[in-house]
Protein backbone atom coordinates (compact mmCIF):
# COMPACT_ATOMS: atom_id res chain seq x y z
CA MET A 1 -12.56 3.44 -18.67
CA ASN A 2 -9.22 4.03 -16.99
CA THR A 3 -6.89 1.06 -17.23
CA ASP A 4 -6.15 1.29 -13.49
CA THR A 5 -9.86 1.22 -12.52
CA THR A 6 -12.13 -1.80 -12.42
CA SER A 7 -15.41 -1.73 -14.34
CA LYS A 8 -17.36 -1.80 -11.07
CA ALA A 9 -15.39 1.14 -9.62
CA GLU A 10 -15.86 3.11 -12.85
CA ALA A 11 -19.61 2.49 -12.79
CA ILE A 12 -19.79 3.74 -9.19
CA ARG A 13 -17.77 6.83 -10.10
CA GLN A 14 -20.05 7.55 -13.06
CA ALA A 15 -23.16 7.12 -10.90
CA ILE A 16 -21.80 9.55 -8.30
CA PHE A 17 -20.82 12.15 -10.90
CA SER A 18 -24.16 11.86 -12.71
CA ARG A 19 -25.98 12.83 -9.48
CA MET A 20 -23.76 15.89 -8.95
CA SER A 21 -24.57 19.33 -10.29
CA GLY A 22 -22.26 20.88 -12.86
CA GLU A 23 -20.92 23.21 -10.19
CA ASP A 24 -20.20 20.31 -7.84
CA ARG A 25 -18.41 18.37 -10.61
CA LEU A 26 -16.32 21.45 -11.38
CA LEU A 27 -15.42 21.94 -7.70
CA ALA A 28 -14.50 18.25 -7.34
CA THR A 29 -12.29 18.48 -10.42
CA MET A 30 -10.61 21.64 -9.16
CA ASN A 31 -9.97 20.04 -5.75
CA LEU A 32 -8.47 16.97 -7.38
CA SER A 33 -6.27 19.17 -9.56
CA ASP A 34 -5.02 21.02 -6.44
CA GLU A 35 -4.26 17.73 -4.69
CA ILE A 36 -2.33 16.38 -7.68
CA ARG A 37 -0.36 19.65 -7.90
CA ASP A 38 0.52 19.39 -4.21
CA ILE A 39 1.58 15.74 -4.53
CA THR A 40 3.70 16.56 -7.58
CA LEU A 41 5.37 19.49 -5.81
CA ALA A 42 6.03 17.29 -2.76
CA GLY A 43 7.75 14.80 -5.06
CA PHE A 44 9.99 17.55 -6.46
CA LYS A 45 10.80 18.68 -2.91
CA SER A 46 11.68 15.12 -1.96
CA ARG A 47 13.98 14.66 -4.95
CA HIS A 48 15.54 18.15 -4.70
CA PRO A 49 15.57 19.08 -0.99
CA GLN A 50 18.35 21.61 -1.54
CA LEU A 51 16.28 23.81 -3.90
CA PRO A 52 14.54 26.91 -2.54
CA GLU A 53 10.75 27.13 -3.00
CA GLU A 54 11.04 29.52 -5.96
CA GLU A 55 13.29 27.09 -7.84
CA LEU A 56 10.94 24.20 -7.09
CA TRP A 57 8.11 26.12 -8.75
CA THR A 58 10.38 26.87 -11.71
CA LEU A 59 11.10 23.14 -11.99
CA PHE A 60 7.38 22.36 -11.64
CA PHE A 61 6.39 24.65 -14.50
CA ARG A 62 9.21 23.39 -16.72
CA GLU A 63 8.55 19.69 -16.10
CA ILE A 64 4.75 19.68 -15.95
CA HIS A 65 3.76 22.50 -18.29
CA GLN A 66 6.89 22.83 -20.48
CA ILE A 67 7.04 26.51 -19.53
CA GLU A 68 10.46 28.04 -19.04
CA ILE A 69 10.51 30.88 -16.52
CA LYS A 70 13.22 33.41 -17.27
CA ARG A 71 14.71 35.33 -14.39
CA GLU A 72 16.18 38.80 -14.81
C-alpha cells in the first residue's frame, strides 16, 4: 500500500484495476505517466521561465532520467 493512500482507497483502486483488461490497465498507466510528465515539465517551466523549450527538455532528461544530452 502507498503511504499516502488509505486502506479503503487502496482497496477501491485494486477492485477497479482487477475489473480492467490488461490493455485498459496499460492505457491507464500510460495516461498517468503522460500526466506526471506534463506536471513535472510545468514545474520546470515555472522555476525556469527564462529557458527555451529545448533547454527545459534537456533539464527534464537530466533531472528525471539522469541522461545528459550533448549538443554539437
